[in-house]
Amino acid sequence: MTKELQISSFQQVKDIVNAAANCEYEITVQDAQGAIADAKSILGLMNLDYKHTVILQGENADEVEQVYQAITKA
């Protein structure tokens, strides 16, 4: 499953890491240039380009939705 979203603050990046840490399956984030980072890795996520939307991806639809909701709750 994939979800597209716009990241506009470092707090949202931290929210991704915190929510993904509770997931059993792998969750990744892909930027517009095609770079992919593990959603559980703050260092990996800091290397992505957030000028454009990013794609949240994962095998488990419920976990992807859980991470997505953690980011968009505000």
PDB file of N, CA and C in Angstrom:
ATOM      1  N   MET A   1       0.843  -1.180   0.000  1.00  0.00           N
ATOM      2  CA  MET A   1       0.000   0.000   0.000  1.00  0.00           C
ATOM      3  C   MET A   1       0.885   1.239   0.000  1.00  0.00           C
ATOM      4  N   THR A   2       0.414   2.279  -0.655  1.00  0.00           N
ATOM      5  CA  THR A   2       1.153   3.542  -0.676  1.00  0.00           C
ATOM      6  C   THR A   2       0.221   4.698  -0.312  1.00  0.00           C
ATOM      7  N   LYS A   3       0.818   5.726   0.273  1.00  0.00           N
ATOM      8  CA  LYS A   3       0.111   6.971   0.591  1.00  0.00           C
ATOM      9  C   LYS A   3       1.046   8.112   0.229  1.00  0.00           C
ATOM     10  N   GLU A   4       0.520   9.110  -0.437  1.00  0.00           N
ATOM     11  CA  GLU A   4       1.314  10.282  -0.802  1.00  0.00           C
ATOM     12  C   GLU A   4       1.041  11.392   0.204  1.00  0.00           C
ATOM     13  N   LEU A   5       2.113  12.084   0.618  1.00  0.00           N
ATOM     14  CA  LEU A   5       1.930  13.169   1.573  1.00  0.00           C
ATOM     15  C   LEU A   5       3.017  14.220   1.430  1.00  0.00           C
ATOM     16  N   GLN A   6       2.718  15.392   1.956  1.00  0.00           N
ATOM     17  CA  GLN A   6       3.655  16.514   1.960  1.00  0.00           C
ATOM     18  C   GLN A   6       4.195  16.674   3.373  1.00  0.00           C
ATOM     19  N   ILE A   7       5.505  16.679   3.501  1.00  0.00           N
ATOM     20  CA  ILE A   7       6.159  16.876   4.788  1.00  0.00           C
ATOM     21  C   ILE A   7       6.635  18.323   4.836  1.00  0.00           C
ATOM     22  N   SER A   8       6.213  19.054   5.869  1.00  0.00           N
ATOM     23  CA  SER A   8       6.563  20.473   5.942  1.00  0.00           C
ATOM     24  C   SER A   8       7.325  20.857   7.204  1.00  0.00           C
ATOM     25  N   SER A   9       7.586  19.877   8.073  1.00  0.00           N
ATOM     26  CA  SER A   9       8.327  20.206   9.292  1.00  0.00           C
ATOM     27  C   SER A   9       9.132  18.998   9.765  1.00  0.00           C
ATOM     28  N   PHE A  10      10.173  19.291  10.541  1.00  0.00           N
ATOM     29  CA  PHE A  10      10.979  18.216  11.102  1.00  0.00           C
ATOM     30  C   PHE A  10      10.165  17.404  12.106  1.00  0.00           C
ATOM     31  N   GLN A  11       9.195  18.021  12.735  1.00  0.00           N
ATOM     32  CA  GLN A  11       8.333  17.294  13.678  1.00  0.00           C
ATOM     33  C   GLN A  11       7.597  16.164  12.964  1.00  0.00           C
ATOM     34  N   GLN A  12       7.167  16.396  11.734  1.00  0.00           N
ATOM     35  CA  GLN A  12       6.493  15.345  10.977  1.00  0.00           C
ATOM     36  C   GLN A  12       7.443  14.187  10.680  1.00  0.00           C
ATOM     37  N   VAL A  13       8.707  14.482  10.420  1.00  0.00           N
ATOM     38  CA  VAL A  13       9.703  13.429  10.200  1.00  0.00           C
ATOM     39  C   VAL A  13       9.840  12.602  11.478  1.00  0.00           C
ATOM     40  N   LYS A  14       9.912  13.265  12.615  1.00  0.00           N
ATOM     41  CA  LYS A  14      10.003  12.550  13.896  1.00  0.00           C
ATOM     42  C   LYS A  14       8.740  11.725  14.155  1.00  0.00           C
ATOM     43  N   ASP A  15       7.585  12.246  13.755  1.00  0.00           N
ATOM     44  CA  ASP A  15       6.333  11.503  13.912  1.00  0.00           C
ATOM     45  C   ASP A  15       6.339  10.226  13.077  1.00  0.00           C
ATOM     46  N   ILE A  16       6.919  10.292  11.876  1.00  0.00           N
ATOM     47  CA  ILE A  16       7.040   9.098  11.029  1.00  0.00           C
ATOM     48  C   ILE A  16       7.861   8.038  11.750  1.00  0.00           C
ATOM     49  N   VAL A  17       9.017   8.439  12.262  1.00  0.00           N
ATOM     50  CA  VAL A  17       9.914   7.500  12.942  1.00  0.00           C
ATOM     51  C   VAL A  17       9.227   6.888  14.158  1.00  0.00           C
ATOM     52  N   ASN A  18       8.586   7.708  14.963  1.00  0.00           N
ATOM     53  CA  ASN A  18       7.918   7.209  16.169  1.00  0.00           C
ATOM     54  C   ASN A  18       6.789   6.236  15.836  1.00  0.00           C
ATOM     55  N   ALA A  19       5.990   6.556  14.828  1.00  0.00           N
ATOM     56  CA  ALA A  19       4.886   5.672  14.450  1.00  0.00           C
ATOM     57  C   ALA A  19       5.404   4.391  13.800  1.00  0.00           C
ATOM     58  N   ALA A  20       6.415   4.509  12.957  1.00  0.00           N
ATOM     59  CA  ALA A  20       6.963   3.334  12.272  1.00  0.00           C
ATOM     60  C   ALA A  20       7.657   2.386  13.242  1.00  0.00           C
ATOM     61  N   ALA A  21       8.179   2.922  14.329  1.00  0.00           N
ATOM     62  CA  ALA A  21       8.864   2.087  15.323  1.00  0.00           C
ATOM     63  C   ALA A  21       7.922   1.046  15.929  1.00  0.00           C
ATOM     64  N   ASN A  22       6.632   1.316  15.902  1.00  0.00           N
ATOM     65  CA  ASN A  22       5.640   0.387  16.443  1.00  0.00           C
ATOM     66  C   ASN A  22       5.135  -0.615  15.416  1.00  0.00           C
ATOM     67  N   CYS A  23       5.662  -0.561  14.196  1.00  0.00           N
ATOM     68  CA  CYS A  23       5.195  -1.433  13.122  1.00  0.00           C
ATOM     69  C   CYS A  23       6.047  -2.694  13.021  1.00  0.00           C
ATOM     70  N   GLU A  24       5.377  -3.800  12.775  1.00  0.00           N
ATOM     71  CA  GLU A  24       6.067  -5.080  12.615  1.00  0.00           C
ATOM     72  C   GLU A  24       6.701  -5.189  11.230  1.00  0.00           C
ATOM     73  N   TYR A  25       6.001  -4.689  10.212  1.00  0.00           N
ATOM     74  CA  TYR A  25       6.471  -4.789   8.839  1.00  0.00           C
ATOM     75  C   TYR A  25       7.288  -3.563   8.451  1.00  0.00           C
ATOM     76  N   GLU A  26       8.014  -3.690   7.345  1.00  0.00           N
ATOM     77  CA  GLU A  26       8.850  -2.589   6.859  1.00  0.00           C
ATOM     78  C   GLU A  26       7.983  -1.476   6.280  1.00  0.00           C
ATOM     79  N   ILE A  27       8.306  -0.260   6.646  1.00  0.00           N
ATOM     80  CA  ILE A  27       7.668   0.941   6.101  1.00  0.00           C
ATOM     81  C   ILE A  27       8.794   1.786   5.513  1.00  0.00           C
ATOM     82  N   THR A  28       8.600   2.270   4.289  1.00  0.00           N
ATOM     83  CA  THR A  28       9.617   3.105   3.662  1.00  0.00           C
ATOM     84  C   THR A  28       9.003   4.418   3.200  1.00  0.00           C
ATOM     85  N   VAL A  29       9.881   5.394   2.976  1.00  0.00           N
ATOM     86  CA  VAL A  29       9.483   6.692   2.437  1.00  0.00           C
ATOM     87  C   VAL A  29      10.332   6.937   1.202  1.00  0.00           C
ATOM     88  N   GLN A  30       9.682   7.326   0.107  1.00  0.00           N
ATOM     89  CA  GLN A  30      10.381   7.587  -1.150  1.00  0.00           C
ATOM     90  C   GLN A  30      10.148   9.026  -1.562  1.00  0.00           C
ATOM     91  N   ASP A  31      11.237   9.725  -1.930  1.00  0.00           N
ATOM     92  CA  ASP A  31      11.090  11.114  -2.374  1.00  0.00           C
ATOM     93  C   ASP A  31      10.909  11.177  -3.888  1.00  0.00           C
ATOM     94  N   ALA A  32      10.730  12.374  -4.420  1.00  0.00           N
ATOM     95  CA  ALA A  32      10.450  12.568  -5.842  1.00  0.00           C
ATOM     96  C   ALA A  32      11.604  12.141  -6.742  1.00  0.00           C
ATOM     97  N   GLN A  33      12.825  12.127  -6.212  1.00  0.00           N
ATOM     98  CA  GLN A  33      13.988  11.711  -6.997  1.00  0.00           C
ATOM     99  C   GLN A  33      14.179  10.196  -6.975  1.00  0.00           C
ATOM    100  N   GLY A  34      13.364   9.493  -6.211  1.00  0.00           N
ATOM    101  CA  GLY A  34      13.442   8.041  -6.151  1.00  0.00           C
ATOM    102  C   GLY A  34      14.249   7.485  -4.996  1.00  0.00           C
ATOM    103  N   ALA A  35      14.824   8.357  -4.163  1.00  0.00           N
ATOM    104  CA  ALA A  35      15.572   7.888  -2.993  1.00  0.00           C
ATOM    105  C   ALA A  35      14.590   7.283  -1.992  1.00  0.00           C
ATOM    106  N   ILE A  36      14.983   6.165  -1.394  1.00  0.00           N
ATOM    107  CA  ILE A  36      14.122   5.452  -0.453  1.00  0.00           C
ATOM    108  C   ILE A  36      14.834   5.331   0.887  1.00  0.00           C
ATOM    109  N   ALA A  37      14.080   5.558   1.969  1.00  0.00           N
ATOM    110  CA  ALA A  37      14.632   5.436   3.319  1.00  0.00           C
ATOM    111  C   ALA A  37      13.692   4.606   4.183  1.00  0.00           C
ATOM    112  N   ASP A  38      14.273   3.876   5.105  1.00  0.00           N
ATOM    113  CA  ASP A  38      13.510   3.133   6.103  1.00  0.00           C
ATOM    114  C   ASP A  38      12.822   4.150   7.016  1.00  0.00           C
ATOM    115  N   ALA A  39      11.531   4.011   7.198  1.00  0.00           N
ATOM    116  CA  ALA A  39      10.775   4.969   8.013  1.00  0.00           C
ATOM    117  C   ALA A  39      11.162   4.923   9.486  1.00  0.00           C
ATOM    118  N   LYS A  40      11.862   3.884   9.904  1.00  0.00           N
ATOM    119  CA  LYS A  40      12.296   3.775  11.297  1.00  0.00           C
ATOM    120  C   LYS A  40      13.644   4.444  11.528  1.00  0.00           C
ATOM    121  N   SER A  41      14.259   4.970  10.464  1.00  0.00           N
ATOM    122  CA  SER A  41      15.596   5.556  10.547  1.00  0.00           C
ATOM    123  C   SER A  41      15.550   7.074  10.399  1.00  0.00           C
ATOM    124  N   ILE A  42      15.784   7.785  11.483  1.00  0.00           N
ATOM    125  CA  ILE A  42      15.783   9.251  11.424  1.00  0.00           C
ATOM    126  C   ILE A  42      16.882   9.753  10.495  1.00  0.00           C
ATOM    127  N   LEU A  43      18.047   9.111  10.514  1.00  0.00           N
ATOM    128  CA  LEU A  43      19.140   9.533   9.632  1.00  0.00           C
ATOM    129  C   LEU A  43      18.788   9.301   8.170  1.00  0.00           C
ATOM    130  N   GLY A  44      18.172   8.173   7.881  1.00  0.00           N
ATOM    131  CA  GLY A  44      17.754   7.900   6.509  1.00  0.00           C
ATOM    132  C   GLY A  44      16.738   8.914   6.023  1.00  0.00           C
ATOM    133  N   LEU A  45      15.770   9.233   6.866  1.00  0.00           N
ATOM    134  CA  LEU A  45      14.733  10.193   6.482  1.00  0.00           C
ATOM    135  C   LEU A  45      15.284  11.600   6.314  1.00  0.00           C
ATOM    136  N   MET A  46      16.323  11.937   7.064  1.00  0.00           N
ATOM    137  CA  MET A  46      16.907  13.276   6.948  1.00  0.00           C
ATOM    138  C   MET A  46      17.607  13.482   5.607  1.00  0.00           C
ATOM    139  N   ASN A  47      17.918  12.406   4.899  1.00  0.00           N
ATOM    140  CA  ASN A  47      18.587  12.509   3.602  1.00  0.00           C
ATOM    141  C   ASN A  47      17.622  12.685   2.438  1.00  0.00           C
ATOM    142  N   LEU A  48      16.332  12.601   2.685  1.00  0.00           N
ATOM    143  CA  LEU A  48      15.356  12.722   1.605  1.00  0.00           C
ATOM    144  C   LEU A  48      15.043  14.184   1.304  1.00  0.00           C
ATOM    145  N   ASP A  49      14.534  14.415   0.091  1.00  0.00           N
ATOM    146  CA  ASP A  49      14.148  15.750  -0.362  1.00  0.00           C
ATOM    147  C   ASP A  49      12.654  15.938  -0.109  1.00  0.00           C
ATOM    148  N   TYR A  50      12.308  16.912   0.710  1.00  0.00           N
ATOM    149  CA  TYR A  50      10.908  17.147   1.064  1.00  0.00           C
ATOM    150  C   TYR A  50      10.310  18.361   0.358  1.00  0.00           C
ATOM    151  N   LYS A  51      10.964  18.837  -0.714  1.00  0.00           N
ATOM    152  CA  LYS A  51      10.421  19.972  -1.468  1.00  0.00           C
ATOM    153  C   LYS A  51       9.138  19.580  -2.197  1.00  0.00           C
ATOM    154  N   HIS A  52       9.021  18.306  -2.507  1.00  0.00           N
ATOM    155  CA  HIS A  52       7.844  17.775  -3.198  1.00  0.00           C
ATOM    156  C   HIS A  52       7.205  16.711  -2.305  1.00  0.00           C
ATOM    157  N   THR A  53       6.083  16.199  -2.730  1.00  0.00           N
ATOM    158  CA  THR A  53       5.437  15.148  -1.944  1.00  0.00           C
ATOM    159  C   THR A  53       6.321  13.909  -1.892  1.00  0.00           C
ATOM    160  N   VAL A  54       6.144  13.126  -0.849  1.00  0.00           N
ATOM    161  CA  VAL A  54       6.852  11.857  -0.696  1.00  0.00           C
ATOM    162  C   VAL A  54       5.811  10.742  -0.638  1.00  0.00           C
ATOM    163  N   ILE A  55       6.280   9.518  -0.834  1.00  0.00           N
ATOM    164  CA  ILE A  55       5.390   8.363  -0.833  1.00  0.00           C
ATOM    165  C   ILE A  55       5.733   7.468   0.348  1.00  0.00           C
ATOM    166  N   LEU A  56       4.745   7.201   1.152  1.00  0.00           N
ATOM    167  CA  LEU A  56       4.856   6.284   2.276  1.00  0.00           C
ATOM    168  C   LEU A  56       4.425   4.915   1.760  1.00  0.00           C
ATOM    169  N   GLN A  57       5.274   3.896   1.925  1.00  0.00           N
ATOM    170  CA  GLN A  57       5.005   2.577   1.362  1.00  0.00           C
ATOM    171  C   GLN A  57       5.177   1.491   2.412  1.00  0.00           C
ATOM    172  N   GLY A  58       4.409   0.433   2.276  1.00  0.00           N
ATOM    173  CA  GLY A  58       4.563  -0.699   3.173  1.00  0.00           C
ATOM    174  C   GLY A  58       3.742  -1.887   2.717  1.00  0.00           C
ATOM    175  N   GLU A  59       4.095  -3.060   3.232  1.00  0.00           N
ATOM    176  CA  GLU A  59       3.394  -4.295   2.892  1.00  0.00           C
ATOM    177  C   GLU A  59       2.044  -4.394   3.593  1.00  0.00           C
ATOM    178  N   ASN A  60       1.959  -3.863   4.798  1.00  0.00           N
ATOM    179  CA  ASN A  60       0.759  -3.984   5.608  1.00  0.00           C
ATOM    180  C   ASN A  60      -0.036  -2.678   5.545  1.00  0.00           C
ATOM    181  N   ALA A  61      -1.213  -2.732   4.941  1.00  0.00           N
ATOM    182  CA  ALA A  61      -2.025  -1.527   4.744  1.00  0.00           C
ATOM    183  C   ALA A  61      -2.403  -0.856   6.060  1.00  0.00           C
ATOM    184  N   ASP A  62      -2.687  -1.645   7.084  1.00  0.00           N
ATOM    185  CA  ASP A  62      -3.065  -1.070   8.382  1.00  0.00           C
ATOM    186  C   ASP A  62      -1.918  -0.283   8.999  1.00  0.00           C
ATOM    187  N   GLU A  63      -0.698  -0.808   8.870  1.00  0.00           N
ATOM    188  CA  GLU A  63       0.454  -0.108   9.435  1.00  0.00           C
ATOM    189  C   GLU A  63       0.776   1.161   8.657  1.00  0.00           C
ATOM    190  N   VAL A  64       0.642   1.120   7.342  1.00  0.00           N
ATOM    191  CA  VAL A  64       0.859   2.327   6.537  1.00  0.00           C
ATOM    192  C   VAL A  64      -0.158   3.389   6.946  1.00  0.00           C
ATOM    193  N   GLU A  65      -1.395   2.989   7.109  1.00  0.00           N
ATOM    194  CA  GLU A  65      -2.444   3.928   7.526  1.00  0.00           C
ATOM    195  C   GLU A  65      -2.158   4.485   8.920  1.00  0.00           C
ATOM    196  N   GLN A  66      -1.658   3.651   9.810  1.00  0.00           N
ATOM    197  CA  GLN A  66      -1.316   4.084  11.172  1.00  0.00           C
ATOM    198  C   GLN A  66      -0.236   5.163  11.141  1.00  0.00           C
ATOM    199  N   VAL A  67       0.799   4.968  10.338  1.00  0.00           N
ATOM    200  CA  VAL A  67       1.871   5.960  10.226  1.00  0.00           C
ATOM    201  C   VAL A  67       1.333   7.228   9.566  1.00  0.00           C
ATOM    202  N   TYR A  68       0.542   7.068   8.513  1.00  0.00           N
ATOM    203  CA  TYR A  68      -0.046   8.212   7.814  1.00  0.00           C
ATOM    204  C   TYR A  68      -0.899   9.053   8.770  1.00  0.00           C
ATOM    205  N   GLN A  69      -1.718   8.399   9.577  1.00  0.00           N
ATOM    206  CA  GLN A  69      -2.572   9.118  10.528  1.00  0.00           C
ATOM    207  C   GLN A  69      -1.746   9.851  11.579  1.00  0.00           C
ATOM    208  N   ALA A  70      -0.628   9.277  11.984  1.00  0.00           N
ATOM    209  CA  ALA A  70       0.241   9.930  12.972  1.00  0.00           C
ATOM    210  C   ALA A  70       0.818  11.234  12.427  1.00  0.00           C
ATOM    211  N   ILE A  71       1.039  11.283  11.126  1.00  0.00           N
ATOM    212  CA  ILE A  71       1.613  12.475  10.494  1.00  0.00           C
ATOM    213  C   ILE A  71       0.543  13.531  10.242  1.00  0.00           C
ATOM    214  N   THR A  72      -0.631  13.105   9.835  1.00  0.00           N
ATOM    215  CA  THR A  72      -1.673  14.045   9.406  1.00  0.00           C
ATOM    216  C   THR A  72      -2.664  14.402  10.506  1.00  0.00           C
ATOM    217  N   LYS A  73      -2.430  13.942  11.732  1.00  0.00           N
ATOM    218  CA  LYS A  73      -3.383  14.182  12.827  1.00  0.00           C
ATOM    219  C   LYS A  73      -3.517  15.650  13.208  1.00  0.00           C
ATOM    220  N   ALA A  74      -2.492  16.437  12.931  1.00  0.00           N
ATOM    221  CA  ALA A  74      -2.508  17.847  13.344  1.00  0.00           C
ATOM    222  C   ALA A  74      -3.353  18.704  12.442  1.00  0.00           C
TER     223      ALA A  74
END
